[in-house]
Amino acid sequence: MSLSLLTGESRTPVLIALVIGLILRVVFIITTPFNEPERIGKLSAYNDEPAHVEYTSHIVRFETLPRTISPITQNLHGSLPTFENYQSPLAYILHALACKPFDVKSADSIAIIGRWLSLAYMVLLLLVAATIFNELGRAVSSESRSIFIIFLALSGVFVRFSSLAGNEMLAWLMFGWIIMAYLSHERYASSRNFYWLIIAFILGLYVKLSVLLFAPIVGLVIARTYSANHGRAVIGALYVLITCIPLAAYNYFVFGSPIPLAAGFGEPVWRMPDLNSLMHVSRSAVFPWSELWRNWIGLALFAPALILLGWVAFGIIKKMRESSWAFLISVISLSAFAWLNLRYDQAEGRYLFVAWPAFIIGVEALPHKLRSPWLWLLMLLLPYLLFVF
């Protein structure tokens, strides 16, 4: 990614963030345990990773998609779990294809290849972020771009999930592609930009069904296109409908629903999230290594970055009229997260990161005293001291 649009003053903290971010990811790819019990106070395995690896492992072994599943509520440690088998297949097919040249069969080897693949998706995500900058043009200052890159490089959520095997990073890449395509279409409503958005949305659904959250963005573009070009809009809508029918039908006949959340999470129960859930989402949005949370020490290290993220969220609201797309995807993501946690105990901050492209708008609205790249570099690095203490 070119740093030519950054000023000399901003370039140094950005380069530091990118170097440290790369080092952290490589270290975690190599050293994070796989499919082991949590070890309090030490870097531990992530509990979802074995289920993602089992999905890919099934494709590697049998060259078919898995059709059996046990929800996470029935997960027993030991063998590889199957609670992710309801997920859309594209990320796992790509993972299996990446394994093929190395002729790997063991779960550990498949996991390592998946981790490197997630890092590759992170690199592509940074390139998509740079393209979003270009589409926004002068609406985003060089200072804001610097802060945004530092955030992507050092955010605990992006660092952790770009060093684990799974579908999260590819899904976030697809969310960025959709917004990139949307902004391109807003700037110049050509058939190429229109179909680029349609393709991004369709492929995104085959990566992860949470891409449905951006359906209003696609619907808005189709509606605007219809007023100017009926045929193009109808063709685009038909593409989405026809290409999504096989995925919806497969999910329904194999897992019982076109959107089979219950297959993976277990039967939903209406519940009211408590204070512990709120604390969990707050901490995991900054530092998603629960085995290293250290009560008041942890809070002191998390709080500065969490406050900055709160200011960014406020900035998105402040800019809602100028950048309605950012406000829209943020509200949709927050609403979906609230709905999910009223039915399941899934209070992980990463679920809010589907709206990551909106972050740049919130940064642009920050007060001057919070728009220092050096400040963001320091605040985002503080939580990593928990690996030392």
Protein backbone atom coordinates (compact mmCIF):
# COMPACT_ATOMS: atom_id res chain seq x y z
CA MET A 1 0.00 0.00 0.00
CA SER A 2 1.41 3.37 -1.00
CA LEU A 3 2.14 5.90 1.73
CA SER A 4 2.61 8.70 -0.76
CA LEU A 5 -0.60 10.42 0.32
CA LEU A 6 0.62 10.65 3.91
CA THR A 7 2.60 13.58 5.19
CA GLY A 8 6.13 13.15 6.47
CA GLU A 9 4.94 13.63 10.05
CA SER A 10 2.31 10.88 9.69
CA ARG A 11 4.45 8.43 7.76
CA THR A 12 6.67 7.47 10.69
CA PRO A 13 3.94 6.27 13.11
CA VAL A 14 2.21 4.47 10.21
CA LEU A 15 5.39 2.61 9.28
CA ILE A 16 5.98 1.71 12.94
CA ALA A 17 2.41 0.40 13.22
CA LEU A 18 2.70 -1.66 10.03
CA VAL A 19 6.01 -3.21 11.09
CA ILE A 20 4.83 -4.01 14.63
CA GLY A 21 1.51 -5.29 13.30
CA LEU A 22 3.28 -7.66 10.89
CA ILE A 23 5.64 -8.91 13.61
CA LEU A 24 2.73 -9.55 16.00
CA ARG A 25 0.80 -11.48 13.37
CA VAL A 26 3.75 -13.67 12.39
CA VAL A 27 4.48 -14.42 16.05
CA PHE A 28 0.86 -15.35 16.74
CA ILE A 29 0.63 -17.50 13.60
CA ILE A 30 3.63 -19.50 14.79
CA THR A 31 3.08 -19.60 18.55
CA THR A 32 -0.69 -19.65 19.17
CA PRO A 33 -1.65 -23.16 20.35
CA PHE A 34 -4.23 -25.09 18.33
CA ASN A 35 -7.19 -26.94 19.85
CA GLU A 36 -5.95 -26.89 23.44
CA PRO A 37 -7.71 -25.85 26.66
CA GLU A 38 -7.43 -22.22 27.71
CA ARG A 39 -4.44 -21.46 29.92
CA ILE A 40 -5.13 -18.46 32.13
CA GLY A 41 -2.29 -15.96 31.94
CA LYS A 42 -0.77 -17.52 28.81
CA LEU A 43 -1.46 -17.26 25.10
CA SER A 44 -4.14 -19.86 24.39
CA ALA A 45 -5.93 -21.49 21.49
CA TYR A 46 -9.00 -19.76 20.09
CA ASN A 47 -12.04 -21.97 20.62
CA ASP A 48 -13.63 -21.41 17.17
CA GLU A 49 -10.52 -22.21 15.15
CA PRO A 50 -10.76 -26.03 15.38
CA ALA A 51 -14.31 -25.94 14.00
CA HIS A 52 -13.20 -23.84 11.03
CA VAL A 53 -10.30 -26.25 10.45
CA GLU A 54 -12.63 -29.26 10.64
CA TYR A 55 -14.76 -27.74 7.86
CA THR A 56 -11.71 -27.37 5.62
CA SER A 57 -10.36 -30.75 6.68
CA HIS A 58 -13.59 -32.41 5.56
CA ILE A 59 -13.24 -30.82 2.09
CA VAL A 60 -9.58 -31.87 1.91
CA ARG A 61 -10.40 -35.48 2.85
CA PHE A 62 -13.65 -36.05 0.96
CA GLU A 63 -13.81 -33.22 -1.62
CA THR A 64 -17.40 -32.52 -0.55
CA LEU A 65 -19.03 -30.07 1.83
CA PRO A 66 -19.80 -31.33 5.34
CA ARG A 67 -23.45 -32.14 5.96
CA THR A 68 -23.43 -33.00 9.67
CA ILE A 69 -23.26 -30.52 12.51
CA SER A 70 -23.38 -30.30 16.29
CA PRO A 71 -24.08 -26.85 17.79
CA ILE A 72 -21.51 -25.11 19.94
CA THR A 73 -23.65 -25.85 23.02
CA GLN A 74 -22.81 -29.55 22.53
CA ASN A 75 -19.12 -29.01 21.85
CA LEU A 76 -16.82 -31.33 23.81
CA HIS A 77 -13.09 -30.66 23.91
CA GLY A 78 -10.92 -33.23 22.22
CA SER A 79 -11.98 -34.08 18.70
CA LEU A 80 -12.48 -31.32 16.16
CA PRO A 81 -15.93 -29.73 16.59
CA THR A 82 -18.42 -29.26 13.74
CA PHE A 83 -20.43 -26.22 14.85
CA GLU A 84 -19.11 -24.04 11.98
CA ASN A 85 -20.29 -26.46 9.26
CA TYR A 86 -23.35 -24.30 8.53
CA GLN A 87 -21.16 -21.46 7.26
CA SER A 88 -21.09 -20.46 3.59
CA PRO A 89 -18.49 -22.59 1.79
CA LEU A 90 -16.28 -20.27 -0.30
CA ALA A 91 -13.70 -19.43 2.39
CA TYR A 92 -13.22 -23.12 3.17
CA ILE A 93 -12.98 -24.13 -0.47
CA LEU A 94 -10.23 -21.54 -0.95
CA HIS A 95 -8.52 -22.80 2.22
CA ALA A 96 -8.67 -26.39 0.92
CA LEU A 97 -7.24 -25.29 -2.43
CA ALA A 98 -4.37 -23.55 -0.61
CA CYS A 99 -3.67 -26.83 1.23
CA LYS A 100 -3.61 -28.95 -1.91
CA PRO A 101 -0.13 -28.00 -3.23
CA PHE A 102 1.37 -28.91 0.17
CA ASP A 103 -0.53 -32.22 0.37
CA VAL A 104 -1.35 -31.62 4.03
CA LYS A 105 -3.79 -33.84 5.88
CA SER A 106 -3.32 -33.15 9.59
CA ALA A 107 -5.48 -30.59 11.37
CA ASP A 108 -2.42 -28.75 12.71
CA SER A 109 -0.98 -28.28 9.22
CA ILE A 110 -4.33 -27.20 7.80
CA ALA A 111 -4.62 -24.67 10.63
CA ILE A 112 -1.18 -23.19 9.91
CA ILE A 113 -1.97 -22.76 6.22
CA GLY A 114 -5.29 -21.18 7.17
CA ARG A 115 -3.50 -18.71 9.44
CA TRP A 116 -1.15 -17.59 6.68
CA LEU A 117 -4.13 -17.30 4.36
CA SER A 118 -5.84 -15.00 6.87
CA LEU A 119 -2.72 -12.83 6.89
CA ALA A 120 -2.88 -12.64 3.09
CA TYR A 121 -6.52 -11.50 3.33
CA MET A 122 -5.40 -8.82 5.80
CA VAL A 123 -2.91 -7.49 3.26
CA LEU A 124 -5.68 -7.33 0.66
CA LEU A 125 -7.93 -5.59 3.18
CA LEU A 126 -5.31 -2.86 3.58
CA LEU A 127 -5.28 -2.41 -0.20
CA VAL A 128 -9.07 -2.15 -0.22
CA ALA A 129 -8.83 0.46 2.55
CA ALA A 130 -6.42 2.47 0.39
CA THR A 131 -8.88 2.29 -2.51
CA ILE A 132 -11.67 3.51 -0.23
CA PHE A 133 -9.44 6.48 0.61
CA ASN A 134 -9.14 7.24 -3.10
CA GLU A 135 -12.91 7.02 -3.61
CA LEU A 136 -13.54 9.40 -0.69
CA GLY A 137 -10.91 11.83 -2.02
CA ARG A 138 -10.62 15.12 -0.19
CA ALA A 139 -13.41 14.18 2.20
CA VAL A 140 -10.74 12.33 4.21
CA SER A 141 -7.60 14.09 5.38
CA SER A 142 -4.10 12.61 5.32
CA GLU A 143 -4.14 12.60 9.12
CA SER A 144 -7.32 10.51 9.21
CA ARG A 145 -5.87 8.08 6.69
CA SER A 146 -2.82 7.62 8.90
CA ILE A 147 -4.94 6.91 11.96
CA PHE A 148 -7.10 4.47 10.01
CA ILE A 149 -4.07 2.50 8.79
CA ILE A 150 -2.64 2.43 12.32
CA PHE A 151 -5.99 1.10 13.57
CA LEU A 152 -6.08 -1.67 10.97
CA ALA A 153 -2.46 -2.57 11.71
CA LEU A 154 -2.71 -2.71 15.51
CA SER A 155 -6.35 -3.27 16.47
CA GLY A 156 -6.40 -6.39 18.63
CA VAL A 157 -9.37 -7.74 16.68
CA PHE A 158 -7.66 -7.44 13.30
CA VAL A 159 -4.36 -8.74 14.68
CA ARG A 160 -5.91 -11.81 16.27
CA PHE A 161 -8.22 -12.83 13.44
CA SER A 162 -5.64 -12.24 10.72
CA SER A 163 -3.45 -14.81 12.51
CA LEU A 164 -6.12 -17.52 12.93
CA ALA A 165 -7.62 -19.99 10.46
CA GLY A 166 -11.23 -19.19 9.67
CA ASN A 167 -13.57 -17.17 7.48
CA GLU A 168 -13.55 -13.89 9.42
CA MET A 169 -10.81 -12.05 7.55
CA LEU A 170 -12.15 -12.97 4.13
CA ALA A 171 -15.61 -11.83 5.22
CA TRP A 172 -14.22 -8.46 6.39
CA LEU A 173 -12.39 -8.18 3.08
CA MET A 174 -15.70 -8.70 1.28
CA PHE A 175 -17.41 -6.03 3.41
CA GLY A 176 -14.66 -3.63 2.38
CA TRP A 177 -15.04 -4.61 -1.28
CA ILE A 178 -18.78 -3.93 -1.13
CA ILE A 179 -18.24 -0.44 0.29
CA MET A 180 -15.43 0.23 -2.17
CA ALA A 181 -17.74 -0.75 -5.03
CA TYR A 182 -20.60 1.29 -3.57
CA LEU A 183 -18.46 4.43 -3.34
CA SER A 184 -17.21 3.88 -6.89
CA HIS A 185 -20.80 3.64 -8.11
CA GLU A 186 -21.77 6.78 -6.17
CA ARG A 187 -18.94 8.65 -7.85
CA TYR A 188 -19.67 7.33 -11.32
CA ALA A 189 -22.81 5.25 -11.94
CA SER A 190 -21.52 3.09 -14.79
CA SER A 191 -22.60 -0.46 -15.62
CA ARG A 192 -19.12 -1.66 -14.66
CA ASN A 193 -19.33 -0.16 -11.17
CA PHE A 194 -22.89 -1.44 -10.76
CA TYR A 195 -22.03 -5.04 -11.60
CA TRP A 196 -18.81 -4.82 -9.57
CA LEU A 197 -21.00 -4.16 -6.52
CA ILE A 198 -23.40 -6.98 -7.41
CA ILE A 199 -20.53 -9.44 -7.82
CA ALA A 200 -18.97 -8.37 -4.50
CA PHE A 201 -22.28 -8.91 -2.69
CA ILE A 202 -22.91 -12.33 -4.24
CA LEU A 203 -19.39 -13.60 -3.54
CA GLY A 204 -19.64 -12.17 -0.03
CA LEU A 205 -22.75 -14.22 0.69
CA TYR A 206 -20.87 -17.35 -0.34
CA VAL A 207 -18.11 -16.36 2.11
CA LYS A 208 -20.35 -15.57 5.09
CA LEU A 209 -24.07 -14.98 5.47
CA SER A 210 -23.49 -11.91 7.65
CA VAL A 211 -22.86 -10.10 4.34
CA LEU A 212 -26.68 -9.98 4.22
CA LEU A 213 -26.34 -7.03 6.60
CA PHE A 214 -25.18 -4.96 3.62
CA ALA A 215 -28.23 -5.89 1.54
CA PRO A 216 -29.77 -2.41 2.17
CA ILE A 217 -26.70 -0.83 0.53
CA VAL A 218 -27.11 -3.04 -2.53
CA GLY A 219 -30.88 -2.52 -2.55
CA LEU A 220 -30.38 1.24 -2.43
CA VAL A 221 -28.09 1.14 -5.46
CA ILE A 222 -30.51 -1.09 -7.38
CA ALA A 223 -33.39 1.27 -6.58
CA ARG A 224 -31.43 4.33 -7.72
CA THR A 225 -30.29 2.52 -10.86
CA TYR A 226 -33.88 1.53 -11.69
CA SER A 227 -34.93 5.16 -11.98
CA ALA A 228 -32.25 5.74 -14.64
CA ASN A 229 -31.84 2.32 -16.26
CA HIS A 230 -34.64 -0.20 -15.73
CA GLY A 231 -32.92 -3.06 -17.53
CA ARG A 232 -29.62 -2.80 -15.64
CA ALA A 233 -31.39 -2.73 -12.28
CA VAL A 234 -33.60 -5.72 -13.09
CA ILE A 235 -30.66 -7.76 -14.36
CA GLY A 236 -28.66 -6.95 -11.23
CA ALA A 237 -31.54 -7.94 -8.95
CA LEU A 238 -32.04 -11.18 -10.89
CA TYR A 239 -28.34 -12.01 -10.60
CA VAL A 240 -28.56 -11.69 -6.83
CA LEU A 241 -31.76 -13.71 -6.61
CA ILE A 242 -30.73 -16.53 -8.94
CA THR A 243 -27.22 -16.97 -7.55
CA CYS A 244 -28.43 -16.98 -3.93
CA ILE A 245 -31.13 -19.63 -4.44
CA PRO A 246 -28.65 -22.58 -4.44
CA LEU A 247 -27.05 -21.41 -1.17
CA ALA A 248 -30.41 -20.80 0.52
CA ALA A 249 -31.76 -24.15 -0.69
CA TYR A 250 -28.63 -26.01 0.47
CA ASN A 251 -28.83 -24.44 3.92
CA TYR A 252 -32.53 -25.23 4.19
CA PHE A 253 -32.36 -28.89 3.18
CA VAL A 254 -29.11 -29.67 5.03
CA PHE A 255 -29.28 -27.44 8.12
CA GLY A 256 -32.99 -26.65 8.37
CA SER A 257 -33.07 -22.95 7.50
CA PRO A 258 -31.86 -20.58 4.75
CA ILE A 259 -30.02 -18.73 7.54
CA PRO A 260 -29.16 -21.62 9.88
CA LEU A 261 -27.86 -19.83 12.97
CA ALA A 262 -29.52 -22.35 15.29
CA ALA A 263 -27.57 -25.17 13.64
CA GLY A 264 -24.31 -23.63 14.85
CA PHE A 265 -25.31 -21.70 17.97
CA GLY A 266 -28.03 -24.03 19.30
CA GLU A 267 -31.70 -23.27 19.80
CA PRO A 268 -32.24 -19.57 20.58
CA VAL A 269 -33.58 -18.44 23.94
CA TRP A 270 -34.74 -14.90 24.47
CA ARG A 271 -32.49 -13.32 27.08
CA MET A 272 -31.40 -9.96 28.40
CA PRO A 273 -27.62 -9.41 28.23
CA ASP A 274 -26.16 -8.51 31.62
CA LEU A 275 -23.25 -6.35 32.78
CA ASN A 276 -20.79 -9.20 32.21
CA SER A 277 -21.84 -9.36 28.56
CA LEU A 278 -21.34 -5.62 28.21
CA MET A 279 -17.89 -5.85 29.75
CA HIS A 280 -17.02 -8.78 27.50
CA VAL A 281 -17.95 -6.97 24.30
CA SER A 282 -16.03 -3.87 25.44
CA ARG A 283 -12.84 -5.76 26.24
CA SER A 284 -13.00 -8.08 23.25
CA ALA A 285 -13.45 -5.12 20.88
CA VAL A 286 -10.01 -3.91 21.96
CA PHE A 287 -8.11 -7.02 23.10
CA PRO A 288 -9.72 -10.38 22.21
CA TRP A 289 -7.40 -12.57 24.30
CA SER A 290 -9.66 -13.34 27.26
CA GLU A 291 -7.05 -15.60 28.86
CA LEU A 292 -4.90 -12.50 29.47
CA TRP A 293 -7.49 -10.08 30.85
CA ARG A 294 -6.17 -8.81 34.21
CA ASN A 295 -9.03 -7.08 36.03
CA TRP A 296 -8.01 -3.51 36.95
CA ILE A 297 -4.64 -3.74 35.23
CA GLY A 298 -6.36 -4.85 32.06
CA LEU A 299 -9.01 -2.15 32.37
CA ALA A 300 -6.35 0.53 32.73
CA LEU A 301 -4.67 -0.68 29.53
CA PHE A 302 -7.91 -1.21 27.56
CA ALA A 303 -9.68 1.99 28.56
CA PRO A 304 -7.73 4.54 26.45
CA ALA A 305 -8.27 2.61 23.19
CA LEU A 306 -11.90 1.93 24.13
CA ILE A 307 -12.50 5.65 24.73
CA LEU A 308 -11.00 6.47 21.33
CA LEU A 309 -13.31 3.92 19.68
CA GLY A 310 -16.25 5.52 21.49
CA TRP A 311 -15.28 8.91 20.06
CA VAL A 312 -15.11 7.37 16.60
CA ALA A 313 -18.63 5.94 17.00
CA PHE A 314 -19.85 9.38 18.03
CA GLY A 315 -18.10 10.86 14.97
CA ILE A 316 -20.00 8.50 12.65
CA ILE A 317 -23.25 9.83 14.10
CA LYS A 318 -21.98 13.40 13.73
CA LYS A 319 -21.23 12.79 10.04
CA MET A 320 -24.46 10.91 9.31
CA ARG A 321 -25.76 13.48 6.82
CA GLU A 322 -22.52 13.82 4.89
CA SER A 323 -21.72 10.08 4.87
CA SER A 324 -25.06 8.33 5.20
CA TRP A 325 -23.58 5.00 4.05
CA ALA A 326 -21.27 4.89 7.09
CA PHE A 327 -24.11 5.66 9.47
CA LEU A 328 -26.34 3.09 7.78
CA ILE A 329 -23.92 0.16 7.98
CA SER A 330 -23.01 1.09 11.57
CA VAL A 331 -26.65 1.13 12.68
CA ILE A 332 -27.37 -2.13 10.85
CA SER A 333 -24.34 -3.82 12.41
CA LEU A 334 -25.18 -2.61 15.90
CA SER A 335 -28.84 -3.63 15.53
CA ALA A 336 -27.89 -7.09 14.28
CA PHE A 337 -25.44 -7.49 17.15
CA ALA A 338 -28.11 -6.52 19.69
CA TRP A 339 -30.61 -8.92 18.11
CA LEU A 340 -28.05 -11.75 18.14
CA ASN A 341 -27.33 -11.24 21.82
CA LEU A 342 -30.99 -11.16 22.74
CA ARG A 343 -31.16 -14.74 21.42
CA TYR A 344 -27.65 -16.13 21.97
CA ASP A 345 -24.71 -15.53 24.30
CA GLN A 346 -22.40 -14.13 21.60
CA ALA A 347 -21.09 -10.88 23.08
CA GLU A 348 -17.85 -10.71 21.08
CA GLY A 349 -16.73 -7.30 19.89
CA ARG A 350 -15.54 -8.71 16.55
CA TYR A 351 -19.13 -8.96 15.34
CA LEU A 352 -19.30 -5.16 15.26
CA PHE A 353 -16.30 -5.00 12.92
CA VAL A 354 -18.39 -5.83 9.87
CA ALA A 355 -18.80 -2.04 9.66
CA TRP A 356 -15.05 -1.41 9.67
CA PRO A 357 -15.06 0.88 6.57
CA ALA A 358 -17.27 3.35 8.48
CA PHE A 359 -14.43 3.88 10.96
CA ILE A 360 -12.66 6.26 8.59
CA ILE A 361 -15.65 8.62 8.69
CA GLY A 362 -15.69 8.60 12.48
CA VAL A 363 -11.97 9.40 12.57
CA GLU A 364 -12.50 12.37 10.26
CA ALA A 365 -15.02 13.77 12.77
CA LEU A 366 -12.70 13.50 15.78
CA PRO A 367 -11.78 16.67 17.67
CA HIS A 368 -8.32 17.99 16.85
CA LYS A 369 -6.74 16.83 20.14
CA LEU A 370 -7.63 13.18 19.31
CA ARG A 371 -6.39 13.28 15.71
CA SER A 372 -2.76 12.52 16.44
CA PRO A 373 -1.35 9.36 14.75
CA TRP A 374 1.20 9.12 17.56
CA LEU A 375 -1.61 9.11 20.15
CA TRP A 376 -3.40 6.29 18.33
CA LEU A 377 -0.18 4.33 17.97
CA LEU A 378 0.44 4.54 21.72
CA MET A 379 -3.14 3.81 22.81
CA LEU A 380 -3.47 0.77 20.53
CA LEU A 381 -0.14 -0.64 21.71
CA LEU A 382 -0.92 -0.33 25.43
CA PRO A 383 -3.12 -3.47 25.69
CA TYR A 384 -0.31 -5.64 24.29
CA LEU A 385 1.60 -4.98 27.54
CA LEU A 386 -0.65 -7.70 28.99
CA PHE A 387 1.55 -10.20 27.16
CA VAL A 388 4.45 -8.93 29.25
CA PHE A 389 2.95 -8.34 32.70
